[in-house]
Protein backbone atom coordinates (compact mmCIF):
# COMPACT_ATOMS: atom_id res chain seq x y z
CA MET A 1 176.63 -24.30 -27.26
CA GLU A 2 179.25 -23.27 -29.54
CA ARG A 3 177.35 -24.14 -32.95
CA ARG A 4 174.53 -22.30 -31.74
CA GLU A 5 173.30 -18.78 -34.32
CA PRO A 6 173.07 -15.96 -32.04
CA GLY A 7 169.47 -15.09 -31.88
CA THR A 8 168.46 -18.60 -33.20
CA PHE A 9 166.11 -20.04 -29.95
CA TYR A 10 166.16 -23.69 -29.69
CA PRO A 11 163.39 -25.79 -27.92
CA THR A 12 164.18 -27.29 -24.67
CA SER A 13 163.10 -30.66 -22.77
CA GLY A 14 161.72 -28.40 -19.84
CA ILE A 15 162.92 -31.12 -17.56
CA GLY A 16 161.36 -30.65 -13.67
CA THR A 17 162.16 -33.12 -11.31
CA SER A 18 164.44 -36.22 -11.54
CA ALA A 19 166.06 -39.15 -9.55
CA PHE A 20 168.18 -41.75 -10.42
CA THR A 21 167.54 -45.82 -11.22
CA GLU A 22 168.18 -47.91 -8.61
CA ASP A 23 171.42 -49.13 -9.97
CA GLY A 24 172.36 -45.52 -10.68
CA ARG A 25 173.48 -45.88 -14.34
CA ALA A 26 169.78 -43.95 -15.91
CA LEU A 27 167.65 -40.77 -14.90
CA LEU A 28 163.84 -41.58 -14.81
CA VAL A 29 162.95 -37.67 -15.40
CA ASN A 30 159.21 -35.76 -15.94
CA SER A 31 160.07 -33.53 -18.89
CA ALA A 32 157.94 -31.51 -21.36
CA LEU A 33 159.68 -33.45 -24.68
CA PHE A 34 157.09 -35.70 -25.38
CA ASP A 35 154.08 -34.33 -23.77
CA ASP A 36 152.99 -30.78 -22.92
CA ALA A 37 151.69 -31.26 -20.13
CA TYR A 38 154.50 -33.26 -19.16
CA SER A 39 155.47 -37.16 -18.89
CA LEU A 40 158.49 -39.09 -17.76
CA GLY A 41 161.09 -39.89 -20.05
CA TYR A 42 164.16 -42.39 -19.02
CA LEU A 43 168.10 -40.92 -19.55
CA ASP A 44 170.83 -43.92 -19.92
CA LEU A 45 173.82 -42.03 -18.67
CA GLU A 46 175.99 -45.24 -19.97
CA ALA A 47 174.44 -44.53 -23.76
CA PRO A 48 177.01 -43.20 -26.23
CA GLU A 49 174.36 -40.84 -27.48
CA VAL A 50 172.79 -38.84 -25.14
CA SER A 51 168.62 -38.45 -25.55
CA ILE A 52 165.78 -39.16 -23.55
CA LEU A 53 163.05 -41.57 -24.08
CA PRO A 54 159.72 -41.90 -23.40
CA VAL A 55 158.49 -43.72 -20.41
CA ARG A 56 154.72 -45.13 -20.80
CA ILE A 57 152.63 -44.61 -17.63
CA GLU A 58 150.18 -47.56 -16.80
CA GLY A 59 147.97 -47.71 -14.49
CA VAL A 60 146.55 -44.12 -13.78
CA GLN A 61 142.76 -43.51 -12.42
CA HIS A 62 141.93 -40.18 -12.31
CA ILE A 63 140.21 -38.48 -15.12
CA GLY A 64 140.67 -34.53 -16.48
CA ALA A 65 142.96 -32.30 -17.23
CA GLY A 66 146.52 -31.12 -15.56
CA GLU A 67 150.03 -31.69 -15.32
CA LEU A 68 152.43 -34.57 -14.05
CA VAL A 69 154.37 -32.24 -11.73
CA GLY A 70 156.86 -34.53 -9.85
CA VAL A 71 158.60 -38.06 -9.59
CA ALA A 72 160.97 -39.73 -6.82
CA ARG A 73 162.29 -42.85 -6.20
CA LEU A 74 161.11 -44.65 -3.59
CA ARG A 75 163.41 -47.81 -3.17
CA GLY A 76 164.41 -50.42 -5.15
CA GLU A 77 162.51 -49.88 -8.79
CA HIS A 78 159.52 -48.33 -6.46
CA PHE A 79 158.48 -44.32 -7.96
CA GLN A 80 156.28 -42.07 -6.79
CA VAL A 81 154.74 -40.16 -9.37
CA ASP A 82 152.71 -36.94 -8.60
CA TYR A 83 150.05 -34.87 -10.55
CA ASN A 84 147.87 -31.75 -10.41
CA ILE A 85 144.63 -32.97 -12.24
CA ASP A 86 142.00 -29.98 -12.54
CA GLY A 87 144.01 -27.90 -9.37
CA CYS A 88 143.24 -31.34 -7.29
CA ALA A 89 146.58 -32.97 -5.87
CA TRP A 90 146.98 -37.20 -7.04
CA GLY A 91 150.10 -39.31 -5.87
CA TYR A 92 151.07 -42.90 -7.38
CA GLU A 93 153.46 -45.44 -6.00
CA GLY A 94 154.62 -46.94 -9.07
CA VAL A 95 157.71 -49.64 -10.11
CA LEU A 96 159.30 -49.25 -13.15
CA GLY A 97 160.43 -51.54 -16.07
CA GLN A 98 163.96 -50.28 -16.83
CA SER A 99 163.92 -52.96 -20.32
CA THR A 100 160.56 -51.70 -21.45
CA HIS A 101 160.74 -48.39 -19.97
CA THR A 102 157.30 -48.72 -18.70
CA LEU A 103 156.22 -47.19 -14.99
CA ARG A 104 153.01 -49.82 -13.51
CA LEU A 105 151.14 -47.83 -10.87
CA LEU A 106 150.50 -50.22 -7.96
CA ARG A 107 148.65 -48.23 -6.17
CA VAL A 108 146.92 -44.26 -5.31
CA LEU A 109 148.99 -42.94 -2.58
CA TRP A 110 146.17 -39.19 -2.37
CA GLY A 111 144.03 -38.25 -4.86
CA THR A 112 141.04 -41.09 -3.24
CA GLY A 113 138.79 -41.05 -0.04
CA ALA A 114 139.65 -38.75 2.39
CA THR A 115 142.28 -37.26 0.63
CA SER A 116 140.54 -36.50 -2.58
CA GLY A 117 139.57 -33.31 -3.87
CA GLY A 118 142.26 -31.37 -2.19
CA VAL A 119 146.08 -29.93 -2.34
CA LEU A 120 149.10 -31.64 -1.24
CA GLU A 121 151.47 -29.37 0.73
CA GLY A 122 154.35 -31.32 1.09
CA ALA A 123 155.29 -34.77 1.55
CA HIS A 124 158.61 -36.80 2.74
CA TYR A 125 158.99 -40.66 1.92
CA HIS A 126 161.14 -42.19 4.96
CA ARG A 127 163.04 -45.62 3.16
CA GLY A 128 163.35 -47.27 6.67
CA ASP A 129 160.69 -47.81 7.61
CA ASP A 130 158.33 -47.74 4.07
CA CYS A 131 156.32 -44.55 5.11
CA TRP A 132 155.01 -41.36 4.21
CA ALA A 133 154.61 -38.19 6.48
CA PHE A 134 152.74 -35.71 3.93
CA ALA A 135 150.08 -32.30 4.42
CA PHE A 136 146.92 -32.08 2.81
CA THR A 137 144.20 -29.93 2.63
CA THR A 138 141.50 -28.97 0.99
CA ALA A 139 138.17 -26.12 0.26
CA THR A 140 137.04 -27.13 3.70
CA THR A 141 140.15 -28.08 5.83
CA PRO A 142 142.90 -26.67 7.27
CA THR A 143 146.16 -27.76 6.47
CA GLN A 144 146.05 -31.67 8.08
CA LEU A 145 148.97 -34.31 8.48
CA TYR A 146 148.73 -37.54 7.69
CA THR A 147 151.18 -40.60 7.76
CA LEU A 148 150.93 -43.44 4.91
CA GLU A 149 152.04 -46.67 6.87
CA GLY A 150 152.88 -50.62 6.42
CA PRO A 151 152.54 -52.82 3.25
CA GLU A 152 148.80 -51.69 3.00
CA ARG A 153 149.96 -48.13 3.25
CA THR A 154 147.27 -47.19 5.84
CA LEU A 155 145.96 -43.70 6.18
CA ARG A 156 146.10 -42.27 9.58
CA GLN A 157 145.57 -38.74 10.38
CA HIS A 158 147.01 -37.05 12.83
CA THR A 159 146.11 -33.34 13.51
CA ARG A 160 142.95 -32.23 13.71
CA GLU A 161 142.92 -28.68 12.55
CA ARG A 162 139.44 -26.69 12.07
CA VAL A 163 137.99 -23.11 11.44
CA LEU A 164 136.81 -22.22 15.20
CA GLY A 165 133.23 -21.28 15.67
CA VAL A 166 132.12 -22.84 12.01
CA GLY A 167 130.87 -26.45 11.71
CA ALA A 168 132.43 -28.10 8.76
CA GLY A 169 128.84 -28.88 7.52
CA LEU A 170 128.65 -25.19 6.68
CA LEU A 171 132.06 -24.78 4.76
CA ALA A 172 131.50 -25.43 0.35
CA ALA A 173 133.54 -28.25 -0.96
CA GLY A 174 133.02 -27.57 -4.26
CA GLU A 175 132.46 -29.32 -7.12
CA ASP A 176 134.03 -29.61 -10.90
CA ALA A 177 132.45 -27.14 -13.49
CA SER A 178 134.84 -27.79 -16.51
CA PHE A 179 133.19 -26.50 -19.59
CA ILE A 180 134.05 -26.34 -23.16
CA SER A 181 134.55 -22.33 -24.16
CA HIS A 182 133.94 -20.70 -27.03
CA ASP A 183 136.67 -22.05 -29.55
CA GLY A 184 136.40 -25.73 -28.44
CA LEU A 185 139.08 -25.07 -25.66
CA ARG A 186 138.14 -27.02 -22.34
CA VAL A 187 138.64 -24.93 -19.51
CA SER A 188 139.09 -26.28 -15.69
CA ALA A 189 136.50 -24.55 -13.16
CA ARG A 190 135.12 -25.61 -9.47
CA LEU A 191 132.11 -23.99 -8.78
CA TYR A 192 131.20 -23.79 -4.79
CA LEU A 193 127.12 -23.61 -3.25
CA PRO A 194 126.05 -22.85 0.25
CA ALA A 195 126.39 -25.38 2.24
CA PRO A 196 122.18 -26.90 2.41
CA GLU A 197 122.60 -26.78 6.15
CA LEU A 198 123.04 -23.19 6.04
CA GLY A 199 119.19 -23.25 4.55
CA PHE A 200 118.89 -20.91 1.59
CA THR A 201 116.94 -22.08 -0.86
CA GLY A 202 116.32 -21.08 -4.80
CA PRO A 203 118.72 -19.70 -6.92
CA ARG A 204 121.45 -18.39 -5.71
CA PRO A 205 123.03 -15.09 -6.89
CA LEU A 206 126.20 -15.74 -8.62
CA VAL A 207 129.98 -14.23 -7.89
CA TYR A 208 132.13 -14.99 -10.74
CA TYR A 209 135.77 -14.88 -9.19
CA VAL A 210 139.16 -14.57 -11.70
CA HIS A 211 142.20 -15.48 -10.17
CA GLY A 212 145.54 -13.43 -10.80
CA GLY A 213 148.70 -13.80 -12.52
CA PRO A 214 147.59 -14.54 -15.30
CA GLN A 215 149.73 -17.25 -14.89
CA GLY A 216 147.98 -18.54 -11.65
CA GLN A 217 145.64 -21.10 -10.69
CA GLU A 218 142.72 -21.33 -8.35
CA ARG A 219 142.96 -24.89 -6.50
CA PRO A 220 140.37 -26.35 -3.64
CA ASN A 221 143.51 -25.12 -1.13
CA PHE A 222 142.22 -23.70 2.07
CA ALA A 223 145.27 -22.38 3.16
CA TRP A 224 145.64 -20.00 -0.01
CA PHE A 225 144.69 -16.37 0.22
CA SER A 226 141.26 -16.57 -1.78
CA MET A 227 140.02 -19.66 -0.22
CA PRO A 228 138.78 -17.92 3.23
CA LEU A 229 136.55 -15.16 0.59
CA ILE A 230 135.46 -18.02 -1.24
CA GLN A 231 133.56 -19.61 1.78
CA LEU A 232 132.98 -16.63 3.23
CA LEU A 233 130.72 -15.60 -0.12
CA ALA A 234 129.09 -19.08 0.26
CA MET A 235 128.09 -18.97 3.45
CA ARG A 236 126.49 -15.48 2.63
CA GLY A 237 124.54 -17.44 0.60
CA PHE A 238 126.29 -16.51 -2.81
CA ALA A 239 127.29 -19.28 -5.48
CA VAL A 240 130.83 -18.62 -6.64
CA PHE A 241 132.21 -19.39 -9.82
CA VAL A 242 136.00 -19.67 -10.29
CA PRO A 243 137.47 -20.70 -13.69
CA ASN A 244 141.11 -21.00 -14.61
CA ALA A 245 140.80 -19.61 -18.17
CA ARG A 246 143.37 -20.10 -20.66
CA GLY A 247 146.80 -18.27 -19.15
CA SER A 248 146.28 -20.08 -16.14
CA THR A 249 149.02 -22.47 -15.19
CA GLY A 250 148.52 -26.09 -14.14
CA TYR A 251 147.08 -27.45 -17.87
CA GLY A 252 150.23 -27.49 -20.02
CA PHE A 253 152.79 -24.86 -21.38
CA SER A 254 150.53 -24.42 -24.23
CA TYR A 255 147.60 -23.43 -22.33
CA THR A 256 149.36 -20.67 -20.12
CA LYS A 257 151.15 -19.01 -23.15
CA ARG A 258 148.14 -18.09 -24.52
CA VAL A 259 147.39 -15.54 -22.72
CA ASP A 260 150.45 -14.02 -24.35
CA HIS A 261 149.91 -10.43 -26.05
CA ASP A 262 146.46 -11.21 -25.38
CA TRP A 263 145.55 -9.69 -22.68
CA GLY A 264 141.23 -9.17 -22.63
CA GLY A 265 141.14 -11.31 -26.14
CA GLN A 266 140.21 -14.79 -26.41
CA ASP A 267 140.71 -14.92 -22.06
CA ARG A 268 137.39 -12.07 -21.88
CA LEU A 269 135.63 -14.53 -24.40
CA ASP A 270 136.12 -17.30 -22.16
CA HIS A 271 134.01 -15.57 -19.37
CA VAL A 272 131.83 -14.19 -21.15
CA TYR A 273 131.18 -17.86 -22.75
CA ALA A 274 130.76 -19.62 -19.36
CA MET A 275 128.08 -16.44 -18.22
CA THR A 276 126.65 -16.53 -21.37
CA GLN A 277 125.95 -20.13 -22.70
CA VAL A 278 126.93 -22.31 -20.15
CA LEU A 279 126.03 -20.94 -16.37
CA PRO A 280 122.51 -19.98 -17.18
CA GLN A 281 121.71 -24.01 -17.83
CA ASP A 282 122.54 -24.29 -14.45
CA ALA A 283 118.80 -24.35 -12.13
CA ARG A 284 121.01 -23.73 -9.06
CA LEU A 285 122.36 -20.27 -10.38
CA ASP A 286 120.49 -17.16 -10.67
CA VAL A 287 122.76 -15.18 -13.34
CA THR A 288 120.60 -12.27 -13.80
CA ARG A 289 122.28 -11.69 -10.11
CA ALA A 290 125.95 -11.96 -10.79
CA GLY A 291 128.93 -10.23 -9.69
CA VAL A 292 132.06 -10.16 -10.81
CA VAL A 293 135.22 -9.67 -8.85
CA GLY A 294 139.31 -10.42 -9.15
CA ARG A 295 142.89 -9.40 -8.05
CA SER A 296 145.54 -8.05 -9.93
CA TYR A 297 145.90 -9.46 -13.28
CA GLY A 298 141.81 -10.47 -12.13
CA GLY A 299 141.17 -7.39 -11.43
CA TYR A 300 142.08 -5.78 -14.89
CA MET A 301 139.72 -8.97 -15.82
CA THR A 302 136.97 -7.60 -13.67
CA LEU A 303 137.22 -3.95 -15.58
CA THR A 304 137.09 -5.48 -18.73
CA LEU A 305 134.41 -7.50 -18.17
CA ALA A 306 132.37 -4.35 -16.21
CA THR A 307 133.40 -2.02 -19.41
CA ARG A 308 132.91 -4.63 -22.07
CA HIS A 309 129.89 -6.39 -20.81
CA PRO A 310 128.12 -4.00 -18.53
CA GLU A 311 124.57 -6.46 -19.31
CA LEU A 312 126.34 -9.38 -17.32
CA TRP A 313 126.76 -7.58 -14.02
CA SER A 314 125.18 -6.01 -11.18
CA ALA A 315 128.30 -5.26 -9.33
CA ALA A 316 131.92 -5.52 -9.87
CA VAL A 317 134.80 -5.76 -7.25
CA ASP A 318 138.37 -4.58 -8.28
CA MET A 319 141.16 -5.80 -6.59
CA PHE A 320 144.21 -3.82 -7.34
CA GLY A 321 143.67 -4.25 -11.17
CA PRO A 322 145.99 -2.52 -14.29
CA TYR A 323 143.06 0.37 -15.37
CA ASP A 324 144.79 1.51 -18.37
CA LEU A 325 147.38 -0.91 -19.51
CA LEU A 326 149.93 2.21 -20.69
CA THR A 327 150.29 3.66 -17.60
CA PHE A 328 150.11 0.54 -15.67
CA ILE A 329 153.59 -0.33 -18.04
CA GLU A 330 154.75 2.80 -17.41
CA ARG A 331 154.51 2.65 -13.63
CA LEU A 332 155.63 -0.83 -13.10
CA PRO A 333 159.39 -1.43 -11.44
CA GLU A 334 162.42 -1.16 -14.51
CA SER A 335 162.43 -4.92 -13.88
CA TRP A 336 159.17 -5.51 -15.11
CA LYS A 337 158.93 -3.77 -17.94
CA PRO A 338 160.80 -6.00 -20.10
CA TYR A 339 158.86 -9.21 -19.79
CA PHE A 340 155.75 -6.91 -19.90
CA ALA A 341 156.77 -5.31 -23.17
CA VAL A 342 157.07 -9.18 -24.82
CA ALA A 343 153.99 -10.91 -22.76
CA VAL A 344 151.70 -8.14 -22.47
CA GLY A 345 152.49 -5.44 -25.40
CA ASP A 346 154.91 -2.95 -25.94
CA PRO A 347 154.51 1.10 -25.33
CA ALA A 348 157.86 1.43 -27.12
CA THR A 349 156.08 1.08 -30.47
CA GLU A 350 152.91 3.00 -32.59
CA GLU A 351 151.58 -0.26 -32.74
CA GLY A 352 152.08 -1.76 -29.30
CA ARG A 353 150.77 1.72 -27.50
CA ALA A 354 147.41 1.34 -29.77
CA PHE A 355 147.41 -2.55 -28.85
CA LEU A 356 147.65 -1.42 -25.22
CA ARG A 357 145.05 1.27 -25.18
CA GLU A 358 142.59 -0.90 -27.19
CA ARG A 359 142.89 -3.70 -24.33
CA SER A 360 142.75 -1.15 -21.59
CA PRO A 361 139.45 -1.05 -19.31
CA ALA A 362 139.86 2.69 -19.60
CA CYS A 363 139.06 3.36 -23.09
CA TYR A 364 135.52 1.59 -22.86
CA ILE A 365 135.04 3.08 -18.77
CA GLU A 366 132.09 5.16 -20.09
CA GLN A 367 130.18 1.62 -20.98
CA ILE A 368 129.91 0.30 -17.21
CA VAL A 369 126.80 0.71 -15.37
CA CYS A 370 127.21 -1.39 -12.28
CA PRO A 371 128.41 0.14 -9.11
CA LEU A 372 132.29 -0.82 -8.52
CA LEU A 373 134.11 -1.09 -4.90
CA VAL A 374 138.09 -0.57 -5.83
CA ILE A 375 140.49 -2.23 -3.56
CA GLN A 376 143.96 -1.14 -3.07
CA ARG A 377 147.09 -0.68 -1.38
CA ARG A 378 149.34 2.11 -0.07
CA ASN A 379 152.89 0.58 -0.94
CA ASP A 380 152.21 -1.19 -4.04
CA PRO A 381 154.65 -1.55 -5.96
CA ARG A 382 153.34 -3.44 -9.18
CA VAL A 383 149.81 -1.44 -8.98
CA VAL A 384 150.11 1.63 -7.56
CA GLU A 385 147.87 3.58 -5.96
CA GLN A 386 147.31 6.36 -8.77
CA GLU A 387 145.81 3.04 -11.17
CA SER A 388 142.79 2.81 -9.00
CA ARG A 389 142.52 5.99 -7.94
CA ASP A 390 142.35 7.10 -11.73
CA VAL A 391 139.63 4.27 -12.02
CA VAL A 392 137.40 5.78 -9.34
CA GLU A 393 137.94 9.24 -10.37
CA ARG A 394 136.90 8.93 -13.57
CA LEU A 395 133.74 7.18 -12.63
CA GLU A 396 132.94 10.20 -10.42
CA SER A 397 133.67 12.30 -12.97
CA LEU A 398 130.64 10.39 -15.00
CA GLY A 399 128.42 10.68 -12.14
CA LYS A 400 128.63 6.56 -11.71
CA ALA A 401 129.33 4.72 -8.37
CA ALA A 402 132.48 4.07 -7.32
CA GLU A 403 133.74 3.32 -3.72
CA LEU A 404 137.40 3.14 -3.28
CA LEU A 405 138.77 1.31 -0.43
CA VAL A 406 143.01 1.62 0.40
CA PHE A 407 144.89 -0.17 3.07
CA GLU A 408 147.74 1.63 4.20
CA ASN A 409 150.17 -1.31 5.29
CA GLU A 410 149.67 -3.90 2.40
CA GLY A 411 152.29 -4.27 -0.50
CA HIS A 412 150.34 -6.44 -3.73
CA ASP A 413 147.83 -8.10 -1.75
CA VAL A 414 146.27 -7.91 1.30
CA LEU A 415 147.74 -10.28 3.72
CA LYS A 416 147.77 -8.38 6.79
CA PHE A 417 145.11 -10.41 9.53
CA GLU A 418 143.16 -7.82 10.23
CA ASN A 419 143.02 -5.93 6.96
CA ARG A 420 141.75 -9.39 5.33
CA VAL A 421 138.79 -9.13 7.86
CA ARG A 422 137.87 -5.72 7.06
CA CYS A 423 138.72 -6.46 2.98
CA TYR A 424 136.41 -9.66 2.87
CA ASN A 425 134.22 -8.34 4.96
CA ALA A 426 133.23 -5.33 2.78
CA ILE A 427 133.36 -7.30 -0.66
CA ALA A 428 130.48 -9.32 1.29
CA ALA A 429 128.68 -6.56 2.09
CA PHE A 430 128.77 -5.01 -1.24
CA PHE A 431 127.75 -7.92 -2.88
CA ALA A 432 124.43 -8.46 -0.72
CA THR A 433 123.75 -4.81 -0.86
CA GLN A 434 124.11 -4.68 -5.01
CA LEU A 435 122.88 -8.22 -5.87
CA GLY A 436 119.59 -8.55 -3.36
CA ARG A 437 119.65 -10.01 0.30
CA ASP A 438 117.16 -13.46 0.13
CA GLN A 439 113.98 -12.97 2.18
CA GLN A 440 114.49 -15.83 4.41
CA ALA A 441 117.42 -15.25 6.66
CA CYS A 442 120.28 -18.32 6.90
CA THR A 443 119.63 -20.24 10.11
CA ASN A 444 123.05 -19.91 11.03
CA SER A 445 124.89 -16.69 13.09
CA MET A 446 128.56 -17.31 12.48
CA LEU A 447 128.20 -15.83 8.85
CA VAL A 448 131.21 -12.94 10.18
CA LEU A 449 135.03 -13.81 9.14
């Protein structure tokens, strides 16, 4: 530290979890030192010079893109490693060869069979009994409790949590819909289609869902607040496309940083490319009846897409999204402003103000042609109520269709159950009206959240 020059930034190894080897003389660490999406490193604590050496992992069974998210020692030189691959959890048991700095994976713990296509909520290994207890959820099942027992790692499910009144066969499991974007970058995505049991036929109208953050990730996780909305829309007969465009977490540090100081730039083009080049190729989808919805940053992107690419959308739902980046940053809590000046744009400089103005949906609002539903919370400290009122009042002054739904007792989201019921049903009804109802009614009546 004494040798570092002031103002000089040094690369870090981005060390996450770590675990001692059996003899206590070394650490196995999860680090970004050798791989932007994280990998294992070996730190010899008795070496005269501190250095981390790469550890080769053999026997990986998953495919796709994602990150190594954790490592833990089990017993002896057996270790557990966990991955987040395209939003889905994969866990392995492996054995470390210290002399070769190699971790040989012996078996999959979760990620296949009954524990495929979902998210690990938590896991505990009991060394005395050599078994695991863990919680796991998918897009169609609430969090369930499992154990892995005995030398063969026999899987046992101990709970039967379910959605009351809705058969499991009526929910959408989702499928991988990742694509190569306009500049060759792979974008992870999932597509949720109505279950066949619902009786819908023909190409489905499309709802394009943009997550918040932008440093966030949509995963097939029933315990996450957006999944009930996705499922409700699928049960109403919509196909729901959920991309993790550049700027999302879960795909390496550089992928997340691609959105810095570029809100409404390359991230926007990821969505435009999906809507114009990728989704029209799927005969199951009717992209001529498409709506876009997003929350927070996703609300900003919803407004950006609806105003700058109006030809793509028949409806849009902005959930507390920034409308004018200048007023948005000005209205932020003081502790947030330095970060946004670096990551989004600095309103203190003329160049920064011009950039923020150019990337604001407010500059293109006259171009919107589809009806807009705006959802806002009275007590939101991040995207304050006036930000949403500004967009609605401007559209009303232009004679365009806009509706504002405000929740009096919410902060920066809609979390209370009764508010979610009202909010999600309002969104589903809005899209049903604007995108057109099917002539063939769904055979199942349990379609109200």
